[in-house]
Amino acid sequence: ALWRGTGPKYPECVVVEAQRRWGDAVTYHKYCRFILDAAEGNFDAGEFRATEEREREYRKFAEEMSVTQNHIKEPAGLGSVSVTSNHENSLFVLEIAASLLKKDRMDARQLGMESLCLLTDPTRTGIDTALLASRVVLTGSARDESCDDDEFVPEELGIREAIVSLVQFGRLAEDAQCMDEMESDDEEAANQHPEEQEHNNRLHNLALAVLANSLTVLENHGAKVAVASGGGSSAASVADTFLSESKDISSRDLLPTLLNALRSAKRKPHDALLSARCLGSLCEASKDARRRAKEMNAKNVVAAALDVGRRTHLKLETETAKVLTTLEKADNEREGVLFPPGKGSDAKARVKRASCAHSHHCVRRDGTYKTPVQMDEDALEYEQHKELTN
């Protein structure tokens, strides 16, 4: 919150108030420091990006170490027992999360969603658990089709349906039949008690985080997810199946919902950030998703969210820039030209890219952005340099 100062010493000052409503205290302290630095004009975006990149490398290293430790050779007769035990523990935790989502208490549902956020994050739980949890979110089943085991694996946990309901409608459906009725309940949702509305908004944000984590796992480990789910050997098959089945579950297409969240970036930047992560992973995995997003004018929507992120939300800026880069593949695939990312030595290719970019931005290698006019100027400068050197 912002307050106007009235003290005699600083009569024109602005008081910045930060409150931790929920979440980790250490993370709150870190971001609170960034906010106060920005209010004083001391925030360094470049240093923040470098710090985030270092933390990303640390998380990636931790994930690789977890995988390595899981594959260390166990004493004879203990290896299979250890793997089985880890798998059973992961299934047990998923069943607990599913049961919490089915309760009617607000705290239980929120705890279930927070558990899924952790379970789908490889840096928190390890890649094996994250693969299993992500497969449950995206395919609805915990059964590993690549393994012929007779152990009991629940067929219906209801986790995928809960995630789809929260992402599409902002609240949980009591059962699958309620999905069709929820579209006509907008007036009832508008008249909800403020506490209930805040709770549903929180669950909606957590559901977007779970879906973003799961799609990131699919993007980075698509072959493992696809083989285990029986969906072939590519991430594209799993992504396309998820988009199709989520539409069958909710009677709504997921891509327009994600784009609508990006349109509301100014009002809900955190939801827009998570939607950008979901959209980017889907478009990266699926050529059909890229084509459909292009038909929905996604580049204009993402570019507008990028402008909001540049002014107010650095992580939103970073994620939307990645989405724009991914969406450019749709143009390149349609034109039959694939530009090497980050290389602009071909002046004709740069001019061609600029001519189709309209009002969007091109990402430089250092993370900054170019308008089409700047791209044309760069191309012209390159041609002049080429003539001088020849």
Foldseek 3Di string as FASTA:
>chain_A
DWDADCDPVCNGDIDDDDDDPDDDPVVSVVVVVQVVCVSVVNHDLLVVVVVVVVVVVVLVVLQVVLVVVLPPDDPPPCNVVVVVVLLVVLLVLLLCLLVLCLDPDLVSPLVSLVSLLQQLACSRRYLVSNLQSLLCQLPVFSFFPLDDDDDDGDGHSCNNLQLLCCLVQLHGDNDLVCLVVSVVCPVVLVPDDPVVVVSSNSSSLSSLSSLLSSLVSCLVVVQNSCNRSVQDRASQSSLVVSQVVSCVRRVDGNLVSLLVQLLCCLVPVSSVLSSLSNLLSSLSRHVVSLQVCVVVVVQVSLQVSLVSCVVPNVSSVQSSLSSNVSSVVNVCVVVVHDDDPQDDLDLVVLLVSLVPQVQHWHAHPSGDTDHSVRSNVVSVVSVVVVVVVD
